[in-house]
């Protein structure tokens, strides 16, 4: 049995680690279990809508907001875009909460995602950094 596959949680799946690259043994790295779900969430948030030619609806609409001002209204729009994308494209989770807060600088937003795995009710969370630039010129 491969050490990177978790036989106790086959319902969460196994897939390629992203970015896909060749490991030291000449094969590809894999992720499974909770790591596969978290990697999937990361890929959904990192992919802009229309980026995949064969599935232009896949991804998250936050990338349209890169050059917007860091305002409460735009942070709410980002949270809404994240919720919509995760509900549509990650069926293994129940989305509990999405919070968008300012990071260390006004150009950095932290997208905090809280979720529960549907198969075993385990809770998970992740923080996705998102970088915006002020829309005003100095």
C-alpha atoms as a PDB file:
ATOM      1  CA  UNK A   1       0.000   0.000   0.000  1.00  0.00           C
ATOM      2  CA  UNK A   2       1.196   3.517  -0.785  1.00  0.00           C
ATOM      3  CA  UNK A   3       2.050   5.589   2.303  1.00  0.00           C
ATOM      4  CA  UNK A   4       0.399   8.698   0.842  1.00  0.00           C
ATOM      5  CA  UNK A   5      -3.059   7.098   0.716  1.00  0.00           C
ATOM      6  CA  UNK A   6      -5.206   6.885   3.810  1.00  0.00           C
ATOM      7  CA  UNK A   7      -7.246   3.639   3.718  1.00  0.00           C
ATOM      8  CA  UNK A   8      -9.347   4.723   6.697  1.00  0.00           C
ATOM      9  CA  UNK A   9     -10.869   7.647   4.758  1.00  0.00           C
ATOM     10  CA  UNK A  10     -11.456   6.509   1.169  1.00  0.00           C
ATOM     11  CA  UNK A  11     -14.603   8.642   0.911  1.00  0.00           C
ATOM     12  CA  UNK A  12     -12.493  11.823   0.882  1.00  0.00           C
ATOM     13  CA  UNK A  13     -10.599  10.698  -2.199  1.00  0.00           C
ATOM     14  CA  UNK A  14      -7.035  10.835  -3.421  1.00  0.00           C
ATOM     15  CA  UNK A  15      -5.643  13.113  -6.081  1.00  0.00           C
ATOM     16  CA  UNK A  16      -2.562  14.772  -7.445  1.00  0.00           C
ATOM     17  CA  UNK A  17      -0.750  17.207  -5.193  1.00  0.00           C
ATOM     18  CA  UNK A  18      -0.860  20.671  -6.681  1.00  0.00           C
ATOM     19  CA  UNK A  19       1.135  21.992  -8.381  1.00  0.00           C
ATOM     20  CA  UNK A  20       1.717  18.760 -10.234  1.00  0.00           C
ATOM     21  CA  UNK A  21       5.409  17.876 -10.327  1.00  0.00           C
ATOM     22  CA  UNK A  22       7.664  14.857 -10.440  1.00  0.00           C
ATOM     23  CA  UNK A  23       8.986  13.745  -7.055  1.00  0.00           C
ATOM     24  CA  UNK A  24      12.413  12.279  -6.244  1.00  0.00           C
ATOM     25  CA  UNK A  25      11.230   8.730  -7.070  1.00  0.00           C
ATOM     26  CA  UNK A  26      10.172   9.737 -10.584  1.00  0.00           C
ATOM     27  CA  UNK A  27       6.462   9.577  -9.784  1.00  0.00           C
ATOM     28  CA  UNK A  28       3.846  12.143  -8.905  1.00  0.00           C
ATOM     29  CA  UNK A  29       2.985  13.304  -5.400  1.00  0.00           C
ATOM     30  CA  UNK A  30      -0.520  12.505  -4.125  1.00  0.00           C
ATOM     31  CA  UNK A  31      -2.724  13.888  -1.377  1.00  0.00           C
ATOM     32  CA  UNK A  32      -5.605  12.116   0.324  1.00  0.00           C
ATOM     33  CA  UNK A  33      -8.097  12.481   3.145  1.00  0.00           C
ATOM     34  CA  UNK A  34      -8.545  15.901   4.715  1.00  0.00           C
ATOM     35  CA  UNK A  35      -5.480  17.202   2.856  1.00  0.00           C
ATOM     36  CA  UNK A  36      -7.200  16.432  -0.467  1.00  0.00           C
ATOM     37  CA  UNK A  37     -10.265  18.427   0.566  1.00  0.00           C
ATOM     38  CA  UNK A  38      -8.175  21.362   1.765  1.00  0.00           C
ATOM     39  CA  UNK A  39      -6.118  21.277  -1.455  1.00  0.00           C
ATOM     40  CA  UNK A  40      -9.358  21.302  -3.442  1.00  0.00           C
ATOM     41  CA  UNK A  41     -10.605  24.373  -1.574  1.00  0.00           C
ATOM     42  CA  UNK A  42      -7.286  26.116  -2.238  1.00  0.00           C
ATOM     43  CA  UNK A  43      -7.474  25.294  -5.974  1.00  0.00           C
ATOM     44  CA  UNK A  44     -11.051  26.591  -6.213  1.00  0.00           C
ATOM     45  CA  UNK A  45     -10.068  29.894  -4.595  1.00  0.00           C
ATOM     46  CA  UNK A  46      -6.866  30.234  -6.632  1.00  0.00           C
ATOM     47  CA  UNK A  47      -8.575  29.654  -9.992  1.00  0.00           C
ATOM     48  CA  UNK A  48     -10.235  32.597 -11.720  1.00  0.00           C
ATOM     49  CA  UNK A  49     -13.542  32.008 -13.468  1.00  0.00           C
ATOM     50  CA  UNK A  50     -12.899  31.432 -17.167  1.00  0.00           C
ATOM     51  CA  UNK A  51      -9.310  30.312 -16.565  1.00  0.00           C
ATOM     52  CA  UNK A  52     -10.039  26.676 -17.458  1.00  0.00           C
ATOM     53  CA  UNK A  53     -10.987  26.409 -21.118  1.00  0.00           C
ATOM     54  CA  UNK A  54     -12.896  23.149 -20.722  1.00  0.00           C
ATOM     55  CA  UNK A  55     -14.827  24.360 -17.656  1.00  0.00           C
ATOM     56  CA  UNK A  56     -15.088  28.173 -17.752  1.00  0.00           C
ATOM     57  CA  UNK A  57     -17.536  28.283 -14.809  1.00  0.00           C
ATOM     58  CA  UNK A  58     -15.014  26.629 -12.460  1.00  0.00           C
ATOM     59  CA  UNK A  59     -13.217  28.857  -9.997  1.00  0.00           C
ATOM     60  CA  UNK A  60     -13.915  31.842  -7.820  1.00  0.00           C
ATOM     61  CA  UNK A  61     -14.913  35.347  -8.854  1.00  0.00           C
ATOM     62  CA  UNK A  62     -12.603  37.065  -6.362  1.00  0.00           C
ATOM     63  CA  UNK A  63      -9.981  37.641  -9.027  1.00  0.00           C
ATOM     64  CA  UNK A  64     -12.205  40.279 -10.618  1.00  0.00           C
ATOM     65  CA  UNK A  65     -11.726  42.311  -7.419  1.00  0.00           C
ATOM     66  CA  UNK A  66      -7.932  42.451  -7.368  1.00  0.00           C
ATOM     67  CA  UNK A  67      -7.673  46.179  -8.107  1.00  0.00           C
ATOM     68  CA  UNK A  68     -10.591  47.333  -5.976  1.00  0.00           C
ATOM     69  CA  UNK A  69     -10.417  49.345  -2.780  1.00  0.00           C
ATOM     70  CA  UNK A  70     -10.196  47.515   0.515  1.00  0.00           C
ATOM     71  CA  UNK A  71     -13.623  48.490   1.841  1.00  0.00           C
ATOM     72  CA  UNK A  72     -16.180  46.625   3.957  1.00  0.00           C
ATOM     73  CA  UNK A  73     -18.468  46.347   0.915  1.00  0.00           C
ATOM     74  CA  UNK A  74     -15.728  44.765  -1.212  1.00  0.00           C
ATOM     75  CA  UNK A  75     -14.759  42.393   1.610  1.00  0.00           C
ATOM     76  CA  UNK A  76     -18.428  41.312   1.788  1.00  0.00           C
ATOM     77  CA  UNK A  77     -18.438  40.771  -1.991  1.00  0.00           C
ATOM     78  CA  UNK A  78     -15.306  38.627  -1.709  1.00  0.00           C
ATOM     79  CA  UNK A  79     -16.915  36.549   1.063  1.00  0.00           C
ATOM     80  CA  UNK A  80     -20.014  36.076  -1.110  1.00  0.00           C
ATOM     81  CA  UNK A  81     -17.906  34.984  -4.113  1.00  0.00           C
ATOM     82  CA  UNK A  82     -16.006  32.471  -1.956  1.00  0.00           C
ATOM     83  CA  UNK A  83     -19.255  31.031  -0.523  1.00  0.00           C
ATOM     84  CA  UNK A  84     -20.797  30.663  -3.983  1.00  0.00           C
ATOM     85  CA  UNK A  85     -17.714  28.943  -5.426  1.00  0.00           C
ATOM     86  CA  UNK A  86     -17.268  26.487  -2.542  1.00  0.00           C
ATOM     87  CA  UNK A  87     -20.955  25.566  -2.407  1.00  0.00           C
ATOM     88  CA  UNK A  88     -20.937  24.870  -6.143  1.00  0.00           C
ATOM     89  CA  UNK A  89     -17.618  23.079  -6.554  1.00  0.00           C
ATOM     90  CA  UNK A  90     -16.779  21.310  -3.274  1.00  0.00           C
ATOM     91  CA  UNK A  91     -19.525  18.811  -2.475  1.00  0.00           C
ATOM     92  CA  UNK A  92     -17.565  17.075   0.309  1.00  0.00           C
ATOM     93  CA  UNK A  93     -18.012  19.951   2.756  1.00  0.00           C
ATOM     94  CA  UNK A  94     -20.711  21.913   4.541  1.00  0.00           C
ATOM     95  CA  UNK A  95     -19.560  25.515   4.538  1.00  0.00           C
ATOM     96  CA  UNK A  96     -19.932  26.971   8.032  1.00  0.00           C
ATOM     97  CA  UNK A  97     -18.459  30.451   7.737  1.00  0.00           C
ATOM     98  CA  UNK A  98     -16.398  32.699   5.487  1.00  0.00           C
ATOM     99  CA  UNK A  99     -14.737  35.767   6.977  1.00  0.00           C
ATOM    100  CA  UNK A 100     -12.621  38.319   5.134  1.00  0.00           C
ATOM    101  CA  UNK A 101     -10.338  40.406   7.320  1.00  0.00           C
ATOM    102  CA  UNK A 102      -7.526  42.820   6.654  1.00  0.00           C
ATOM    103  CA  UNK A 103      -4.048  41.345   6.893  1.00  0.00           C
ATOM    104  CA  UNK A 104      -0.800  43.038   7.899  1.00  0.00           C
ATOM    105  CA  UNK A 105      -1.178  45.663   5.179  1.00  0.00           C
ATOM    106  CA  UNK A 106      -4.279  47.249   3.614  1.00  0.00           C
ATOM    107  CA  UNK A 107      -3.404  45.447   0.368  1.00  0.00           C
ATOM    108  CA  UNK A 108      -3.618  42.008   2.031  1.00  0.00           C
ATOM    109  CA  UNK A 109      -6.892  40.310   2.877  1.00  0.00           C
ATOM    110  CA  UNK A 110      -7.195  37.045   4.760  1.00  0.00           C
ATOM    111  CA  UNK A 111     -10.062  34.811   3.684  1.00  0.00           C
ATOM    112  CA  UNK A 112     -10.897  32.489   6.575  1.00  0.00           C
ATOM    113  CA  UNK A 113     -12.978  29.440   5.644  1.00  0.00           C
ATOM    114  CA  UNK A 114     -14.595  27.187   8.268  1.00  0.00           C
ATOM    115  CA  UNK A 115     -16.140  23.953   7.043  1.00  0.00           C
ATOM    116  CA  UNK A 116     -17.304  20.510   8.143  1.00  0.00           C
ATOM    117  CA  UNK A 117     -16.600  17.337   6.189  1.00  0.00           C
ATOM    118  CA  UNK A 118     -19.932  15.768   5.308  1.00  0.00           C
ATOM    119  CA  UNK A 119     -18.721  12.183   5.518  1.00  0.00           C
ATOM    120  CA  UNK A 120     -17.434  12.226   9.089  1.00  0.00           C
ATOM    121  CA  UNK A 121     -18.463  15.625  10.559  1.00  0.00           C
ATOM    122  CA  UNK A 122     -14.834  16.602  11.169  1.00  0.00           C
ATOM    123  CA  UNK A 123     -14.292  20.353  11.311  1.00  0.00           C
ATOM    124  CA  UNK A 124     -11.663  22.057   9.223  1.00  0.00           C
ATOM    125  CA  UNK A 125     -10.513  25.554   8.485  1.00  0.00           C
ATOM    126  CA  UNK A 126      -8.026  27.327   6.303  1.00  0.00           C
ATOM    127  CA  UNK A 127      -6.813  30.853   5.651  1.00  0.00           C
ATOM    128  CA  UNK A 128      -6.305  31.965   2.063  1.00  0.00           C
ATOM    129  CA  UNK A 129      -4.283  35.166   1.516  1.00  0.00           C
ATOM    130  CA  UNK A 130      -5.704  37.462  -1.137  1.00  0.00           C
ATOM    131  CA  UNK A 131      -3.881  40.538  -2.352  1.00  0.00           C
ATOM    132  CA  UNK A 132      -5.687  43.657  -3.484  1.00  0.00           C
ATOM    133  CA  UNK A 133      -4.214  46.973  -4.510  1.00  0.00           C
ATOM    134  CA  UNK A 134      -5.816  50.287  -3.752  1.00  0.00           C
ATOM    135  CA  UNK A 135      -7.804  51.507  -6.725  1.00  0.00           C
ATOM    136  CA  UNK A 136      -6.684  55.110  -6.238  1.00  0.00           C
ATOM    137  CA  UNK A 137      -3.561  56.644  -7.719  1.00  0.00           C
ATOM    138  CA  UNK A 138      -1.252  58.504  -5.423  1.00  0.00           C
END
